[in-house]
Amino acid sequence: MTTWPTVRVIAGAFILLSLALGVPGSPVFLSTWWLAFTAFVGLNLLQSGLTRWCLMETLLRKLGLRPGE
């Protein structure tokens, strides 16, 4: 697996987890403040789409994953 699919999987997992923890109707609800983490991940995805730079991709490359799509 290369960095971009891994970034997408991690971002999707973070979003689903933070929604599960932040939506009051969820069985694992903790606090609505988890929705701020959802917004943070979304803003980072937006920023990486506009600037073509992603911190998570940089970290994954340092961990040894191949760059690419």
N, C-alpha and C. Protein backbone atom coordinates (compact mmCIF):
# COMPACT_ATOMS: atom_id res chain seq x y z
N MET A 1 0.85 -1.17 0.00
CA MET A 1 0.00 0.00 0.00
C MET A 1 0.90 1.24 0.00
N THR A 2 0.48 2.25 -0.74
CA THR A 2 1.26 3.49 -0.80
C THR A 2 0.66 4.53 0.15
N THR A 3 1.28 5.70 0.18
CA THR A 3 0.89 6.70 1.17
C THR A 3 -0.52 7.26 0.97
N TRP A 4 -0.90 7.57 -0.27
CA TRP A 4 -2.21 8.22 -0.45
C TRP A 4 -3.39 7.35 -0.05
N PRO A 5 -3.45 6.07 -0.46
CA PRO A 5 -4.55 5.25 0.04
C PRO A 5 -4.54 5.11 1.56
N THR A 6 -3.35 5.06 2.14
CA THR A 6 -3.24 4.94 3.60
C THR A 6 -3.75 6.20 4.28
N VAL A 7 -3.42 7.37 3.72
CA VAL A 7 -3.93 8.63 4.27
C VAL A 7 -5.45 8.65 4.23
N ARG A 8 -6.02 8.21 3.14
CA ARG A 8 -7.49 8.19 3.01
C ARG A 8 -8.13 7.25 4.02
N VAL A 9 -7.52 6.08 4.22
CA VAL A 9 -8.05 5.11 5.19
C VAL A 9 -7.98 5.69 6.60
N ILE A 10 -6.85 6.28 6.95
CA ILE A 10 -6.68 6.86 8.29
C ILE A 10 -7.65 8.02 8.50
N ALA A 11 -7.78 8.91 7.50
CA ALA A 11 -8.70 10.05 7.63
C ALA A 11 -10.14 9.56 7.77
N GLY A 12 -10.53 8.58 6.97
CA GLY A 12 -11.88 8.03 7.08
C GLY A 12 -12.14 7.40 8.43
N ALA A 13 -11.17 6.66 8.94
CA ALA A 13 -11.32 6.03 10.26
C ALA A 13 -11.42 7.08 11.35
N PHE A 14 -10.57 8.15 11.28
CA PHE A 14 -10.64 9.22 12.27
C PHE A 14 -12.01 9.91 12.24
N ILE A 15 -12.53 10.17 11.06
CA ILE A 15 -13.82 10.83 10.94
C ILE A 15 -14.93 9.97 11.51
N LEU A 16 -14.96 8.69 11.14
CA LEU A 16 -16.01 7.80 11.66
C LEU A 16 -15.92 7.63 13.17
N LEU A 17 -14.70 7.50 13.68
CA LEU A 17 -14.51 7.35 15.13
C LEU A 17 -14.96 8.61 15.87
N SER A 18 -14.55 9.78 15.37
CA SER A 18 -14.92 11.01 16.07
C SER A 18 -16.42 11.29 15.97
N LEU A 19 -17.05 10.89 14.87
CA LEU A 19 -18.51 11.02 14.79
C LEU A 19 -19.19 10.08 15.77
N ALA A 20 -18.68 8.86 15.87
CA ALA A 20 -19.26 7.90 16.83
C ALA A 20 -19.15 8.41 18.25
N LEU A 21 -18.05 9.07 18.57
CA LEU A 21 -17.84 9.58 19.92
C LEU A 21 -18.51 10.92 20.17
N GLY A 22 -18.88 11.65 19.09
CA GLY A 22 -19.39 12.99 19.27
C GLY A 22 -20.87 13.21 19.00
N VAL A 23 -21.54 12.26 18.37
CA VAL A 23 -22.96 12.41 18.07
C VAL A 23 -23.78 11.86 19.23
N PRO A 24 -24.66 12.67 19.81
CA PRO A 24 -25.40 12.23 21.01
C PRO A 24 -26.20 10.93 20.85
N GLY A 25 -26.66 10.60 19.67
CA GLY A 25 -27.43 9.38 19.48
C GLY A 25 -26.59 8.12 19.39
N SER A 26 -25.28 8.26 19.38
CA SER A 26 -24.39 7.12 19.23
C SER A 26 -24.31 6.31 20.53
N PRO A 27 -24.21 4.98 20.41
CA PRO A 27 -24.09 4.17 21.64
C PRO A 27 -22.75 4.36 22.36
N VAL A 28 -21.75 4.93 21.70
CA VAL A 28 -20.46 5.15 22.34
C VAL A 28 -20.18 6.64 22.55
N PHE A 29 -21.23 7.42 22.60
CA PHE A 29 -21.12 8.88 22.77
C PHE A 29 -20.35 9.23 24.04
N LEU A 30 -19.39 10.16 23.89
CA LEU A 30 -18.67 10.68 25.04
C LEU A 30 -18.92 12.17 25.24
N SER A 31 -18.69 12.95 24.17
CA SER A 31 -18.84 14.40 24.27
C SER A 31 -18.99 14.97 22.87
N THR A 32 -19.76 16.05 22.76
CA THR A 32 -19.89 16.70 21.45
C THR A 32 -18.59 17.37 21.02
N TRP A 33 -17.65 17.52 21.94
CA TRP A 33 -16.35 18.10 21.59
C TRP A 33 -15.58 17.23 20.60
N TRP A 34 -15.92 15.95 20.49
CA TRP A 34 -15.28 15.09 19.50
C TRP A 34 -15.58 15.57 18.08
N LEU A 35 -16.65 16.31 17.90
CA LEU A 35 -16.97 16.83 16.57
C LEU A 35 -15.94 17.86 16.12
N ALA A 36 -15.25 18.50 17.07
CA ALA A 36 -14.16 19.41 16.71
C ALA A 36 -13.03 18.63 16.04
N PHE A 37 -12.79 17.40 16.46
CA PHE A 37 -11.77 16.57 15.81
C PHE A 37 -12.20 16.22 14.39
N THR A 38 -13.49 15.99 14.18
CA THR A 38 -14.01 15.75 12.83
C THR A 38 -13.72 16.95 11.95
N ALA A 39 -13.97 18.15 12.46
CA ALA A 39 -13.70 19.37 11.70
C ALA A 39 -12.21 19.52 11.43
N PHE A 40 -11.37 19.18 12.38
CA PHE A 40 -9.92 19.27 12.22
C PHE A 40 -9.44 18.36 11.08
N VAL A 41 -9.94 17.13 11.05
CA VAL A 41 -9.56 16.21 9.99
C VAL A 41 -10.05 16.73 8.64
N GLY A 42 -11.28 17.23 8.60
CA GLY A 42 -11.82 17.79 7.36
C GLY A 42 -11.02 18.97 6.86
N LEU A 43 -10.62 19.86 7.77
CA LEU A 43 -9.81 21.01 7.38
C LEU A 43 -8.44 20.59 6.86
N ASN A 44 -7.87 19.56 7.47
CA ASN A 44 -6.58 19.06 6.98
C ASN A 44 -6.72 18.44 5.60
N LEU A 45 -7.81 17.74 5.34
CA LEU A 45 -8.03 17.19 4.00
C LEU A 45 -8.20 18.31 2.98
N LEU A 46 -8.92 19.35 3.34
CA LEU A 46 -9.09 20.50 2.46
C LEU A 46 -7.75 21.17 2.19
N GLN A 47 -6.98 21.40 3.23
CA GLN A 47 -5.67 22.04 3.09
C GLN A 47 -4.75 21.21 2.21
N SER A 48 -4.74 19.90 2.39
CA SER A 48 -3.85 19.06 1.59
C SER A 48 -4.28 19.02 0.13
N GLY A 49 -5.57 19.13 -0.11
CA GLY A 49 -6.05 19.17 -1.48
C GLY A 49 -5.67 20.46 -2.19
N LEU A 50 -5.61 21.55 -1.44
CA LEU A 50 -5.27 22.84 -2.04
C LEU A 50 -3.77 23.05 -2.17
N THR A 51 -2.99 22.56 -1.22
CA THR A 51 -1.55 22.84 -1.21
C THR A 51 -0.71 21.67 -1.71
N ARG A 52 -1.33 20.48 -1.87
CA ARG A 52 -0.61 19.28 -2.29
C ARG A 52 0.43 18.85 -1.25
N TRP A 53 0.27 19.23 0.03
CA TRP A 53 1.14 18.80 1.11
C TRP A 53 0.28 18.25 2.24
N CYS A 54 0.69 17.12 2.78
CA CYS A 54 -0.07 16.47 3.85
C CYS A 54 0.90 15.96 4.92
N LEU A 55 0.70 16.39 6.14
CA LEU A 55 1.57 15.97 7.24
C LEU A 55 1.51 14.46 7.44
N MET A 56 0.32 13.88 7.35
CA MET A 56 0.19 12.43 7.53
C MET A 56 0.99 11.68 6.48
N GLU A 57 0.98 12.17 5.24
CA GLU A 57 1.76 11.53 4.19
C GLU A 57 3.25 11.61 4.49
N THR A 58 3.70 12.75 4.98
CA THR A 58 5.11 12.91 5.36
C THR A 58 5.49 11.92 6.46
N LEU A 59 4.64 11.78 7.45
CA LEU A 59 4.90 10.83 8.54
C LEU A 59 4.93 9.39 8.04
N LEU A 60 4.01 9.05 7.15
CA LEU A 60 3.97 7.69 6.62
C LEU A 60 5.20 7.39 5.77
N ARG A 61 5.69 8.37 5.03
CA ARG A 61 6.93 8.17 4.26
C ARG A 61 8.11 7.91 5.20
N LYS A 62 8.16 8.64 6.31
CA LYS A 62 9.24 8.43 7.28
C LYS A 62 9.15 7.05 7.93
N LEU A 63 7.94 6.50 7.98
CA LEU A 63 7.75 5.16 8.52
C LEU A 63 8.05 4.06 7.49
N GLY A 64 8.33 4.48 6.25
CA GLY A 64 8.76 3.52 5.25
C GLY A 64 7.76 3.18 4.17
N LEU A 65 6.58 3.78 4.15
CA LEU A 65 5.64 3.50 3.08
C LEU A 65 6.09 4.17 1.79
N ARG A 66 5.77 3.52 0.69
CA ARG A 66 6.13 4.06 -0.61
C ARG A 66 5.25 5.25 -0.94
N PRO A 67 5.81 6.32 -1.50
CA PRO A 67 4.99 7.45 -1.92
C PRO A 67 4.20 7.09 -3.18
N GLY A 68 3.09 7.78 -3.37
CA GLY A 68 2.33 7.57 -4.60
C GLY A 68 0.86 7.37 -4.33
N GLU A 69 0.14 7.21 -5.44
CA GLU A 69 -1.32 7.04 -5.37
C GLU A 69 -1.72 5.62 -5.56
